[in-house]
Amino acid sequence: MKMLKRRSIESTSSIPEKLGPYLYYSSYNPDFKCYRKSPEGQVELVFELDDIPELKKLSPKHKQGIDSPVIRISDDHAKVIYIADIYMNDRPVLGVKDLKTGKVIVSPT
C-alpha cells in the first residue's frame, strides 16, 4: 500500500484551457479558484468560491461540502458565468462576475 501511495499523483489543478489569448486553469487546494494567464505571462485570479455572495450565509462546515462550480468565460473575456449548487438541493445558484469591476450579479432563485 505504501508503494501505491508514493506513485499516486494528487492533482490540485486542472489542465490549462486556451480561450482566445488567455490560458485558463483552476486550482482546488483548498478551495476552488480560477486563474487566467495572459500571453505576457501575467496570472490573474478571475473567480473563487468567495465571489459567491450566498456563501457568506453558510457555516464553514457547510462550505467544505460544496462541489466546484461550473464556470464559463464570456467571449470578450470580461465576465465569468458560474453555476453552483451551494445548498446541495439540486437548485443551483447562477451568477455573473464582471471582471473589470469585480461586481457579482446573482440570478434570483
PDB file of N, CA and C in Angstrom:
ATOM      1  N   MET A   1       0.825  -1.194   0.000  1.00  0.00           N
ATOM      2  CA  MET A   1       0.000   0.000   0.000  1.00  0.00           C
ATOM      3  C   MET A   1       0.868   1.255   0.000  1.00  0.00           C
ATOM      4  N   LYS A   2       1.972   1.264   0.764  1.00  0.00           N
ATOM      5  CA  LYS A   2       2.851   2.432   0.783  1.00  0.00           C
ATOM      6  C   LYS A   2       3.399   2.731  -0.607  1.00  0.00           C
ATOM      7  N   MET A   3       3.712   1.664  -1.353  1.00  0.00           N
ATOM      8  CA  MET A   3       4.256   1.849  -2.692  1.00  0.00           C
ATOM      9  C   MET A   3       3.241   2.563  -3.593  1.00  0.00           C
ATOM     10  N   LEU A   4       1.983   2.174  -3.495  1.00  0.00           N
ATOM     11  CA  LEU A   4       0.936   2.807  -4.295  1.00  0.00           C
ATOM     12  C   LEU A   4       0.772   4.279  -3.930  1.00  0.00           C
ATOM     13  N   LYS A   5       0.841   4.591  -2.657  1.00  0.00           N
ATOM     14  CA  LYS A   5       0.687   5.975  -2.237  1.00  0.00           C
ATOM     15  C   LYS A   5       1.818   6.843  -2.777  1.00  0.00           C
ATOM     16  N   ARG A   6       3.013   6.300  -2.840  1.00  0.00           N
ATOM     17  CA  ARG A   6       4.152   7.074  -3.344  1.00  0.00           C
ATOM     18  C   ARG A   6       4.019   7.339  -4.834  1.00  0.00           C
ATOM     19  N   ARG A   7       3.393   6.440  -5.558  1.00  0.00           N
ATOM     20  CA  ARG A   7       3.263   6.599  -7.005  1.00  0.00           C
ATOM     21  C   ARG A   7       2.074   7.459  -7.396  1.00  0.00           C
ATOM     22  N   SER A   8       1.121   7.609  -6.531  1.00  0.00           N
ATOM     23  CA  SER A   8      -0.077   8.373  -6.890  1.00  0.00           C
ATOM     24  C   SER A   8       0.254   9.856  -6.948  1.00  0.00           C
ATOM     25  N   ILE A   9      -0.394  10.525  -7.859  1.00  0.00           N
ATOM     26  CA  ILE A   9      -0.217  11.971  -8.017  1.00  0.00           C
ATOM     27  C   ILE A   9      -1.524  12.630  -7.619  1.00  0.00           C
ATOM     28  N   GLU A  10      -1.460  13.483  -6.622  1.00  0.00           N
ATOM     29  CA  GLU A  10      -2.654  14.194  -6.193  1.00  0.00           C
ATOM     30  C   GLU A  10      -2.730  15.505  -6.945  1.00  0.00           C
ATOM     31  N   SER A  11      -3.673  15.592  -7.846  1.00  0.00           N
ATOM     32  CA  SER A  11      -3.810  16.791  -8.671  1.00  0.00           C
ATOM     33  C   SER A  11      -4.613  17.843  -7.913  1.00  0.00           C
ATOM     34  N   THR A  12      -4.074  19.037  -7.869  1.00  0.00           N
ATOM     35  CA  THR A  12      -4.787  20.144  -7.225  1.00  0.00           C
ATOM     36  C   THR A  12      -5.101  21.243  -8.232  1.00  0.00           C
ATOM     37  N   SER A  13      -4.875  20.973  -9.511  1.00  0.00           N
ATOM     38  CA  SER A  13      -5.219  21.965 -10.524  1.00  0.00           C
ATOM     39  C   SER A  13      -5.654  21.268 -11.801  1.00  0.00           C
ATOM     40  N   SER A  14      -6.356  22.004 -12.632  1.00  0.00           N
ATOM     41  CA  SER A  14      -6.855  21.457 -13.881  1.00  0.00           C
ATOM     42  C   SER A  14      -5.836  21.646 -14.994  1.00  0.00           C
ATOM     43  N   ILE A  15      -6.094  21.021 -16.101  1.00  0.00           N
ATOM     44  CA  ILE A  15      -5.268  21.223 -17.290  1.00  0.00           C
ATOM     45  C   ILE A  15      -5.649  22.576 -17.874  1.00  0.00           C
ATOM     46  N   PRO A  16      -4.666  23.429 -18.178  1.00  0.00           N
ATOM     47  CA  PRO A  16      -4.996  24.746 -18.742  1.00  0.00           C
ATOM     48  C   PRO A  16      -5.754  24.623 -20.059  1.00  0.00           C
ATOM     49  N   GLU A  17      -6.710  25.532 -20.256  1.00  0.00           N
ATOM     50  CA  GLU A  17      -7.503  25.566 -21.478  1.00  0.00           C
ATOM     51  C   GLU A  17      -7.290  26.915 -22.153  1.00  0.00           C
ATOM     52  N   LYS A  18      -6.907  26.898 -23.406  1.00  0.00           N
ATOM     53  CA  LYS A  18      -6.660  28.138 -24.135  1.00  0.00           C
ATOM     54  C   LYS A  18      -7.972  28.654 -24.711  1.00  0.00           C
ATOM     55  N   LEU A  19      -8.332  29.857 -24.302  1.00  0.00           N
ATOM     56  CA  LEU A  19      -9.508  30.546 -24.838  1.00  0.00           C
ATOM     57  C   LEU A  19      -9.043  31.918 -25.297  1.00  0.00           C
ATOM     58  N   GLY A  20      -9.065  32.133 -26.610  1.00  0.00           N
ATOM     59  CA  GLY A  20      -8.555  33.403 -27.131  1.00  0.00           C
ATOM     60  C   GLY A  20      -7.083  33.535 -26.776  1.00  0.00           C
ATOM     61  N   PRO A  21      -6.685  34.701 -26.278  1.00  0.00           N
ATOM     62  CA  PRO A  21      -5.275  34.899 -25.959  1.00  0.00           C
ATOM     63  C   PRO A  21      -4.863  34.355 -24.588  1.00  0.00           C
ATOM     64  N   TYR A  22      -5.826  33.903 -23.783  1.00  0.00           N
ATOM     65  CA  TYR A  22      -5.542  33.508 -22.394  1.00  0.00           C
ATOM     66  C   TYR A  22      -5.511  31.994 -22.209  1.00  0.00           C
ATOM     67  N   LEU A  23      -4.782  31.575 -21.191  1.00  0.00           N
ATOM     68  CA  LEU A  23      -4.845  30.207 -20.691  1.00  0.00           C
ATOM     69  C   LEU A  23      -5.619  30.266 -19.379  1.00  0.00           C
ATOM     70  N   TYR A  24      -6.687  29.489 -19.261  1.00  0.00           N
ATOM     71  CA  TYR A  24      -7.490  29.441 -18.042  1.00  0.00           C
ATOM     72  C   TYR A  24      -7.246  28.103 -17.364  1.00  0.00           C
ATOM     73  N   TYR A  25      -7.141  28.131 -16.037  1.00  0.00           N
ATOM     74  CA  TYR A  25      -6.990  26.891 -15.289  1.00  0.00           C
ATOM     75  C   TYR A  25      -7.560  27.087 -13.889  1.00  0.00           C
ATOM     76  N   SER A  26      -7.878  25.979 -13.252  1.00  0.00           N
ATOM     77  CA  SER A  26      -8.483  26.007 -11.923  1.00  0.00           C
ATOM     78  C   SER A  26      -7.576  25.336 -10.914  1.00  0.00           C
ATOM     79  N   SER A  27      -7.717  25.770  -9.676  1.00  0.00           N
ATOM     80  CA  SER A  27      -6.988  25.190  -8.557  1.00  0.00           C
ATOM     81  C   SER A  27      -8.017  24.735  -7.531  1.00  0.00           C
ATOM     82  N   TYR A  28      -7.775  23.612  -6.904  1.00  0.00           N
ATOM     83  CA  TYR A  28      -8.730  23.052  -5.943  1.00  0.00           C
ATOM     84  C   TYR A  28      -8.137  22.911  -4.561  1.00  0.00           C
ATOM     85  N   ASN A  29      -7.089  23.629  -4.263  1.00  0.00           N
ATOM     86  CA  ASN A  29      -6.419  23.434  -2.984  1.00  0.00           C
ATOM     87  C   ASN A  29      -6.314  24.735  -2.223  1.00  0.00           C
ATOM     88  N   PRO A  30      -7.004  24.968  -1.136  1.00  0.00           N
ATOM     89  CA  PRO A  30      -8.035  24.106  -0.570  1.00  0.00           C
ATOM     90  C   PRO A  30      -9.412  24.384  -1.162  1.00  0.00           C
ATOM     91  N   ASP A  31      -9.648  25.591  -1.684  1.00  0.00           N
ATOM     92  CA  ASP A  31     -10.943  25.937  -2.274  1.00  0.00           C
ATOM     93  C   ASP A  31     -10.791  26.167  -3.768  1.00  0.00           C
ATOM     94  N   PHE A  32     -11.911  26.107  -4.458  1.00  0.00           N
ATOM     95  CA  PHE A  32     -11.908  26.314  -5.906  1.00  0.00           C
ATOM     96  C   PHE A  32     -11.532  27.753  -6.259  1.00  0.00           C
ATOM     97  N   LYS A  33     -10.591  27.895  -7.181  1.00  0.00           N
ATOM     98  CA  LYS A  33     -10.205  29.204  -7.718  1.00  0.00           C
ATOM     99  C   LYS A  33      -9.901  29.024  -9.196  1.00  0.00           C
ATOM    100  N   CYS A  34     -10.230  30.033  -9.993  1.00  0.00           N
ATOM    101  CA  CYS A  34      -9.956  30.000 -11.421  1.00  0.00           C
ATOM    102  C   CYS A  34      -9.020  31.155 -11.769  1.00  0.00           C
ATOM    103  N   TYR A  35      -7.989  30.842 -12.516  1.00  0.00           N
ATOM    104  CA  TYR A  35      -6.986  31.829 -12.915  1.00  0.00           C
ATOM    105  C   TYR A  35      -6.924  31.916 -14.426  1.00  0.00           C
ATOM    106  N   ARG A  36      -6.360  33.032 -14.907  1.00  0.00           N
ATOM    107  CA  ARG A  36      -6.025  33.118 -16.314  1.00  0.00           C
ATOM    108  C   ARG A  36      -4.623  33.696 -16.450  1.00  0.00           C
ATOM    109  N   LYS A  37      -3.950  33.217 -17.482  1.00  0.00           N
ATOM    110  CA  LYS A  37      -2.583  33.660 -17.748  1.00  0.00           C
ATOM    111  C   LYS A  37      -2.568  34.353 -19.103  1.00  0.00           C
ATOM    112  N   SER A  38      -2.075  35.575 -19.118  1.00  0.00           N
ATOM    113  CA  SER A  38      -2.021  36.354 -20.355  1.00  0.00           C
ATOM    114  C   SER A  38      -0.848  35.900 -21.213  1.00  0.00           C
ATOM    115  N   PRO A  39      -0.836  36.290 -22.490  1.00  0.00           N
ATOM    116  CA  PRO A  39       0.306  35.944 -23.347  1.00  0.00           C
ATOM    117  C   PRO A  39       1.634  36.489 -22.806  1.00  0.00           C
ATOM    118  N   GLU A  40       1.566  37.570 -22.021  1.00  0.00           N
ATOM    119  CA  GLU A  40       2.780  38.149 -21.426  1.00  0.00           C
ATOM    120  C   GLU A  40       3.226  37.395 -20.178  1.00  0.00           C
ATOM    121  N   GLY A  41       2.419  36.436 -19.723  1.00  0.00           N
ATOM    122  CA  GLY A  41       2.786  35.635 -18.564  1.00  0.00           C
ATOM    123  C   GLY A  41       2.199  36.112 -17.245  1.00  0.00           C
ATOM    124  N   GLN A  42       1.361  37.154 -17.272  1.00  0.00           N
ATOM    125  CA  GLN A  42       0.733  37.641 -16.041  1.00  0.00           C
ATOM    126  C   GLN A  42      -0.421  36.720 -15.650  1.00  0.00           C
ATOM    127  N   VAL A  43      -0.460  36.343 -14.368  1.00  0.00           N
ATOM    128  CA  VAL A  43      -1.514  35.472 -13.853  1.00  0.00           C
ATOM    129  C   VAL A  43      -2.488  36.309 -13.041  1.00  0.00           C
ATOM    130  N   GLU A  44      -3.765  36.094 -13.288  1.00  0.00           N
ATOM    131  CA  GLU A  44      -4.819  36.863 -12.626  1.00  0.00           C
ATOM    132  C   GLU A  44      -5.879  35.902 -12.079  1.00  0.00           C
ATOM    133  N   LEU A  45      -6.282  36.114 -10.839  1.00  0.00           N
ATOM    134  CA  LEU A  45      -7.383  35.356 -10.258  1.00  0.00           C
ATOM    135  C   LEU A  45      -8.680  35.925 -10.815  1.00  0.00           C
ATOM    136  N   VAL A  46      -9.465  35.094 -11.510  1.00  0.00           N
ATOM    137  CA  VAL A  46     -10.704  35.597 -12.105  1.00  0.00           C
ATOM    138  C   VAL A  46     -11.951  35.172 -11.340  1.00  0.00           C
ATOM    139  N   PHE A  47     -11.859  34.075 -10.563  1.00  0.00           N
ATOM    140  CA  PHE A  47     -13.033  33.626  -9.814  1.00  0.00           C
ATOM    141  C   PHE A  47     -12.594  32.726  -8.677  1.00  0.00           C
ATOM    142  N   GLU A  48     -13.268  32.870  -7.539  1.00  0.00           N
ATOM    143  CA  GLU A  48     -13.075  31.962  -6.405  1.00  0.00           C
ATOM    144  C   GLU A  48     -14.410  31.783  -5.706  1.00  0.00           C
ATOM    145  N   LEU A  49     -14.520  30.757  -4.887  1.00  0.00           N
ATOM    146  CA  LEU A  49     -15.789  30.484  -4.207  1.00  0.00           C
ATOM    147  C   LEU A  49     -16.279  31.681  -3.400  1.00  0.00           C
ATOM    148  N   ASP A  50     -15.357  32.434  -2.817  1.00  0.00           N
ATOM    149  CA  ASP A  50     -15.762  33.588  -2.008  1.00  0.00           C
ATOM    150  C   ASP A  50     -16.442  34.682  -2.828  1.00  0.00           C
ATOM    151  N   ASP A  51     -16.392  34.590  -4.159  1.00  0.00           N
ATOM    152  CA  ASP A  51     -17.097  35.550  -5.007  1.00  0.00           C
ATOM    153  C   ASP A  51     -18.611  35.322  -4.992  1.00  0.00           C
ATOM    154  N   ILE A  52     -19.044  34.170  -4.517  1.00  0.00           N
ATOM    155  CA  ILE A  52     -20.480  33.850  -4.486  1.00  0.00           C
ATOM    156  C   ILE A  52     -21.074  34.436  -3.209  1.00  0.00           C
ATOM    157  N   PRO A  53     -21.917  35.477  -3.328  1.00  0.00           N
ATOM    158  CA  PRO A  53     -22.435  36.154  -2.132  1.00  0.00           C
ATOM    159  C   PRO A  53     -23.180  35.234  -1.162  1.00  0.00           C
ATOM    160  N   GLU A  54     -23.885  34.229  -1.673  1.00  0.00           N
ATOM    161  CA  GLU A  54     -24.667  33.336  -0.821  1.00  0.00           C
ATOM    162  C   GLU A  54     -23.794  32.537   0.137  1.00  0.00           C
ATOM    163  N   LEU A  55     -22.535  32.338  -0.209  1.00  0.00           N
ATOM    164  CA  LEU A  55     -21.647  31.560   0.657  1.00  0.00           C
ATOM    165  C   LEU A  55     -21.397  32.246   1.994  1.00  0.00           C
ATOM    166  N   LYS A  56     -21.540  33.544   2.043  1.00  0.00           N
ATOM    167  CA  LYS A  56     -21.314  34.275   3.294  1.00  0.00           C
ATOM    168  C   LYS A  56     -22.357  33.908   4.349  1.00  0.00           C
ATOM    169  N   LYS A  57     -23.490  33.361   3.908  1.00  0.00           N
ATOM    170  CA  LYS A  57     -24.563  32.975   4.823  1.00  0.00           C
ATOM    171  C   LYS A  57     -24.351  31.580   5.413  1.00  0.00           C
ATOM    172  N   LEU A  58     -23.411  30.827   4.861  1.00  0.00           N
ATOM    173  CA  LEU A  58     -23.244  29.430   5.253  1.00  0.00           C
ATOM    174  C   LEU A  58     -22.132  29.250   6.285  1.00  0.00           C
ATOM    175  N   SER A  59     -22.249  28.197   7.064  1.00  0.00           N
ATOM    176  CA  SER A  59     -21.224  27.883   8.058  1.00  0.00           C
ATOM    177  C   SER A  59     -19.983  27.325   7.354  1.00  0.00           C
ATOM    178  N   PRO A  60     -18.811  27.443   7.986  1.00  0.00           N
ATOM    179  CA  PRO A  60     -17.585  26.885   7.392  1.00  0.00           C
ATOM    180  C   PRO A  60     -17.699  25.382   7.120  1.00  0.00           C
ATOM    181  N   LYS A  61     -18.395  24.659   7.987  1.00  0.00           N
ATOM    182  CA  LYS A  61     -18.548  23.216   7.795  1.00  0.00           C
ATOM    183  C   LYS A  61     -19.363  22.927   6.530  1.00  0.00           C
ATOM    184  N   HIS A  62     -20.413  23.703   6.297  1.00  0.00           N
ATOM    185  CA  HIS A  62     -21.251  23.517   5.106  1.00  0.00           C
ATOM    186  C   HIS A  62     -20.456  23.849   3.843  1.00  0.00           C
ATOM    187  N   LYS A  63     -19.615  24.873   3.903  1.00  0.00           N
ATOM    188  CA  LYS A  63     -18.827  25.283   2.747  1.00  0.00           C
ATOM    189  C   LYS A  63     -17.884  24.175   2.280  1.00  0.00           C
ATOM    190  N   GLN A  64     -17.403  23.355   3.218  1.00  0.00           N
ATOM    191  CA  GLN A  64     -16.463  22.292   2.867  1.00  0.00           C
ATOM    192  C   GLN A  64     -17.101  21.230   1.971  1.00  0.00           C
ATOM    193  N   GLY A  65     -18.407  21.078   2.035  1.00  0.00           N
ATOM    194  CA  GLY A  65     -19.075  20.048   1.252  1.00  0.00           C
ATOM    195  C   GLY A  65     -19.517  20.487  -0.127  1.00  0.00           C
ATOM    196  N   ILE A  66     -19.261  21.728  -0.492  1.00  0.00           N
ATOM    197  CA  ILE A  66     -19.719  22.249  -1.772  1.00  0.00           C
ATOM    198  C   ILE A  66     -18.803  21.781  -2.894  1.00  0.00           C
ATOM    199  N   ASP A  67     -19.427  21.291  -3.955  1.00  0.00           N
ATOM    200  CA  ASP A  67     -18.658  20.899  -5.133  1.00  0.00           C
ATOM    201  C   ASP A  67     -18.177  22.135  -5.877  1.00  0.00           C
ATOM    202  N   SER A  68     -17.198  21.945  -6.725  1.00  0.00           N
ATOM    203  CA  SER A  68     -16.693  23.047  -7.539  1.00  0.00           C
ATOM    204  C   SER A  68     -17.794  23.541  -8.472  1.00  0.00           C
ATOM    205  N   PRO A  69     -17.894  24.844  -8.656  1.00  0.00           N
ATOM    206  CA  PRO A  69     -18.920  25.369  -9.559  1.00  0.00           C
ATOM    207  C   PRO A  69     -18.552  25.113 -11.021  1.00  0.00           C
ATOM    208  N   VAL A  70     -19.546  25.173 -11.869  1.00  0.00           N
ATOM    209  CA  VAL A  70     -19.319  25.143 -13.309  1.00  0.00           C
ATOM    210  C   VAL A  70     -19.155  26.598 -13.718  1.00  0.00           C
ATOM    211  N   ILE A  71     -18.072  26.910 -14.412  1.00  0.00           N
ATOM    212  CA  ILE A  71     -17.875  28.294 -14.834  1.00  0.00           C
ATOM    213  C   ILE A  71     -17.636  28.349 -16.340  1.00  0.00           C
ATOM    214  N   ARG A  72     -18.017  29.478 -16.908  1.00  0.00           N
ATOM    215  CA  ARG A  72     -17.795  29.764 -18.322  1.00  0.00           C
ATOM    216  C   ARG A  72     -17.290  31.191 -18.430  1.00  0.00           C
ATOM    217  N   ILE A  73     -16.485  31.435 -19.429  1.00  0.00           N
ATOM    218  CA  ILE A  73     -15.927  32.752 -19.676  1.00  0.00           C
ATOM    219  C   ILE A  73     -16.650  33.348 -20.882  1.00  0.00           C
ATOM    220  N   SER A  74     -17.022  34.626 -20.784  1.00  0.00           N
ATOM    221  CA  SER A  74     -17.690  35.274 -21.908  1.00  0.00           C
ATOM    222  C   SER A  74     -16.720  35.416 -23.080  1.00  0.00           C
ATOM    223  N   ASP A  75     -17.274  35.567 -24.279  1.00  0.00           N
ATOM    224  CA  ASP A  75     -16.440  35.661 -25.483  1.00  0.00           C
ATOM    225  C   ASP A  75     -15.467  36.834 -25.443  1.00  0.00           C
ATOM    226  N   ASP A  76     -15.837  37.905 -24.754  1.00  0.00           N
ATOM    227  CA  ASP A  76     -14.954  39.071 -24.674  1.00  0.00           C
ATOM    228  C   ASP A  76     -14.009  39.009 -23.472  1.00  0.00           C
ATOM    229  N   HIS A  77     -14.053  37.910 -22.726  1.00  0.00           N
ATOM    230  CA  HIS A  77     -13.186  37.677 -21.559  1.00  0.00           C
ATOM    231  C   HIS A  77     -13.406  38.716 -20.455  1.00  0.00           C
ATOM    232  N   ALA A  78     -14.574  39.320 -20.414  1.00  0.00           N
ATOM    233  CA  ALA A  78     -14.863  40.355 -19.422  1.00  0.00           C
ATOM    234  C   ALA A  78     -15.754  39.858 -18.292  1.00  0.00           C
ATOM    235  N   LYS A  79     -16.355  38.677 -18.458  1.00  0.00           N
ATOM    236  CA  LYS A  79     -17.278  38.164 -17.446  1.00  0.00           C
ATOM    237  C   LYS A  79     -17.065  36.671 -17.217  1.00  0.00           C
ATOM    238  N   VAL A  80     -17.340  36.254 -15.982  1.00  0.00           N
ATOM    239  CA  VAL A  80     -17.343  34.835 -15.620  1.00  0.00           C
ATOM    240  C   VAL A  80     -18.773  34.490 -15.228  1.00  0.00           C
ATOM    241  N   ILE A  81     -19.320  33.468 -15.834  1.00  0.00           N
ATOM    242  CA  ILE A  81     -20.657  32.988 -15.504  1.00  0.00           C
ATOM    243  C   ILE A  81     -20.466  31.720 -14.673  1.00  0.00           C
ATOM    244  N   TYR A  82     -21.154  31.637 -13.549  1.00  0.00           N
ATOM    245  CA  TYR A  82     -20.998  30.441 -12.709  1.00  0.00           C
ATOM    246  C   TYR A  82     -22.346  29.842 -12.349  1.00  0.00           C
ATOM    247  N   ILE A  83     -22.327  28.535 -12.134  1.00  0.00           N
ATOM    248  CA  ILE A  83     -23.469  27.784 -11.623  1.00  0.00           C
ATOM    249  C   ILE A  83     -22.934  26.930 -10.483  1.00  0.00           C
ATOM    250  N   ALA A  84     -23.534  27.084  -9.300  1.00  0.00           N
ATOM    251  CA  ALA A  84     -23.061  26.336  -8.137  1.00  0.00           C
ATOM    252  C   ALA A  84     -24.245  25.864  -7.306  1.00  0.00           C
ATOM    253  N   ASP A  85     -24.217  24.608  -6.921  1.00  0.00           N
ATOM    254  CA  ASP A  85     -25.267  24.039  -6.069  1.00  0.00           C
ATOM    255  C   ASP A  85     -24.803  24.173  -4.616  1.00  0.00           C
ATOM    256  N   ILE A  86     -24.832  25.392  -4.091  1.00  0.00           N
ATOM    257  CA  ILE A  86     -24.271  25.630  -2.767  1.00  0.00           C
ATOM    258  C   ILE A  86     -25.152  25.112  -1.635  1.00  0.00           C
ATOM    259  N   TYR A  87     -26.451  24.955  -1.879  1.00  0.00           N
ATOM    260  CA  TYR A  87     -27.337  24.433  -0.838  1.00  0.00           C
ATOM    261  C   TYR A  87     -27.514  22.923  -0.939  1.00  0.00           C
ATOM    262  N   MET A  88     -26.875  22.318  -1.948  1.00  0.00           N
ATOM    263  CA  MET A  88     -26.922  20.875  -2.180  1.00  0.00           C
ATOM    264  C   MET A  88     -28.353  20.345  -2.234  1.00  0.00           C
ATOM    265  N   ASN A  89     -29.200  21.070  -2.980  1.00  0.00           N
ATOM    266  CA  ASN A  89     -30.594  20.671  -3.109  1.00  0.00           C
ATOM    267  C   ASN A  89     -31.027  20.611  -4.574  1.00  0.00           C
ATOM    268  N   ASP A  90     -30.058  20.523  -5.487  1.00  0.00           N
ATOM    269  CA  ASP A  90     -30.328  20.477  -6.923  1.00  0.00           C
ATOM    270  C   ASP A  90     -31.037  21.728  -7.433  1.00  0.00           C
ATOM    271  N   ARG A  91     -30.878  22.841  -6.728  1.00  0.00           N
ATOM    272  CA  ARG A  91     -31.385  24.143  -7.177  1.00  0.00           C
ATOM    273  C   ARG A  91     -30.188  25.099  -7.199  1.00  0.00           C
ATOM    274  N   PRO A  92     -29.407  25.027  -8.272  1.00  0.00           N
ATOM    275  CA  PRO A  92     -28.167  25.797  -8.300  1.00  0.00           C
ATOM    276  C   PRO A  92     -28.376  27.303  -8.336  1.00  0.00           C
ATOM    277  N   VAL A  93     -27.363  27.998  -7.881  1.00  0.00           N
ATOM    278  CA  VAL A  93     -27.315  29.454  -7.917  1.00  0.00           C
ATOM    279  C   VAL A  93     -26.546  29.838  -9.175  1.00  0.00           C
ATOM    280  N   LEU A  94     -27.087  30.781  -9.910  1.00  0.00           N
ATOM    281  CA  LEU A  94     -26.463  31.250 -11.136  1.00  0.00           C
ATOM    282  C   LEU A  94     -26.024  32.690 -10.929  1.00  0.00           C
ATOM    283  N   GLY A  95     -24.823  33.013 -11.370  1.00  0.00           N
ATOM    284  CA  GLY A  95     -24.341  34.375 -11.212  1.00  0.00           C
ATOM    285  C   GLY A  95     -23.358  34.757 -12.301  1.00  0.00           C
ATOM    286  N   VAL A  96     -23.121  36.061 -12.389  1.00  0.00           N
ATOM    287  CA  VAL A  96     -22.179  36.602 -13.358  1.00  0.00           C
ATOM    288  C   VAL A  96     -21.252  37.556 -12.624  1.00  0.00           C
ATOM    289  N   LYS A  97     -19.945  37.398 -12.828  1.00  0.00           N
ATOM    290  CA  LYS A  97     -18.965  38.303 -12.241  1.00  0.00           C
ATOM    291  C   LYS A  97     -18.355  39.143 -13.355  1.00  0.00           C
ATOM    292  N   ASP A  98     -18.420  40.460 -13.190  1.00  0.00           N
ATOM    293  CA  ASP A  98     -17.792  41.385 -14.115  1.00  0.00           C
ATOM    294  C   ASP A  98     -16.325  41.502 -13.720  1.00  0.00           C
ATOM    295  N   LEU A  99     -15.418  41.107 -14.595  1.00  0.00           N
ATOM    296  CA  LEU A  99     -14.000  41.089 -14.256  1.00  0.00           C
ATOM    297  C   LEU A  99     -13.388  42.486 -14.195  1.00  0.00           C
ATOM    298  N   LYS A 100     -14.016  43.454 -14.823  1.00  0.00           N
ATOM    299  CA  LYS A 100     -13.482  44.820 -14.768  1.00  0.00           C
ATOM    300  C   LYS A 100     -13.814  45.489 -13.441  1.00  0.00           C
ATOM    301  N   THR A 101     -15.034  45.285 -12.943  1.00  0.00           N
ATOM    302  CA  THR A 101     -15.466  45.943 -11.706  1.00  0.00           C
ATOM    303  C   THR A 101     -15.396  45.023 -10.496  1.00  0.00           C
ATOM    304  N   GLY A 102     -15.414  43.706 -10.720  1.00  0.00           N
ATOM    305  CA  GLY A 102     -15.448  42.752  -9.613  1.00  0.00           C
ATOM    306  C   GLY A 102     -16.839  42.519  -9.064  1.00  0.00           C
ATOM    307  N   LYS A 103     -17.830  43.222  -9.615  1.00  0.00           N
ATOM    308  CA  LYS A 103     -19.215  43.100  -9.146  1.00  0.00           C
ATOM    309  C   LYS A 103     -19.812  41.760  -9.583  1.00  0.00           C
ATOM    310  N   VAL A 104     -20.577  41.151  -8.674  1.00  0.00           N
ATOM    311  CA  VAL A 104     -21.233  39.878  -8.935  1.00  0.00           C
ATOM    312  C   VAL A 104     -22.744  40.101  -8.936  1.00  0.00           C
ATOM    313  N   ILE A 105     -23.394  39.650  -9.984  1.00  0.00           N
ATOM    314  CA  ILE A 105     -24.855  39.724 -10.085  1.00  0.00           C
ATOM    315  C   ILE A 105     -25.374  38.306  -9.985  1.00  0.00           C
ATOM    316  N   VAL A 106     -26.275  38.073  -9.039  1.00  0.00           N
ATOM    317  CA  VAL A 106     -26.813  36.743  -8.803  1.00  0.00           C
ATOM    318  C   VAL A 106     -28.240  36.678  -9.323  1.00  0.00           C
ATOM    319  N   SER A 107     -28.551  35.579  -9.996  1.00  0.00           N
ATOM    320  CA  SER A 107     -29.895  35.366 -10.501  1.00  0.00           C
ATOM    321  C   SER A 107     -30.828  35.089  -9.322  1.00  0.00           C
ATOM    322  N   PRO A 108     -32.026  35.686  -9.335  1.00  0.00           N
ATOM    323  CA  PRO A 108     -32.971  35.383  -8.249  1.00  0.00           C
ATOM    324  C   PRO A 108     -33.376  33.909  -8.281  1.00  0.00           C
ATOM    325  N   THR A 109     -33.528  33.337  -7.082  1.00  0.00           N
ATOM    326  CA  THR A 109     -33.893  31.920  -7.001  1.00  0.00           C
ATOM    327  C   THR A 109     -35.360  31.754  -6.742  1.00  0.00           C
TER     328      THR A 109
END
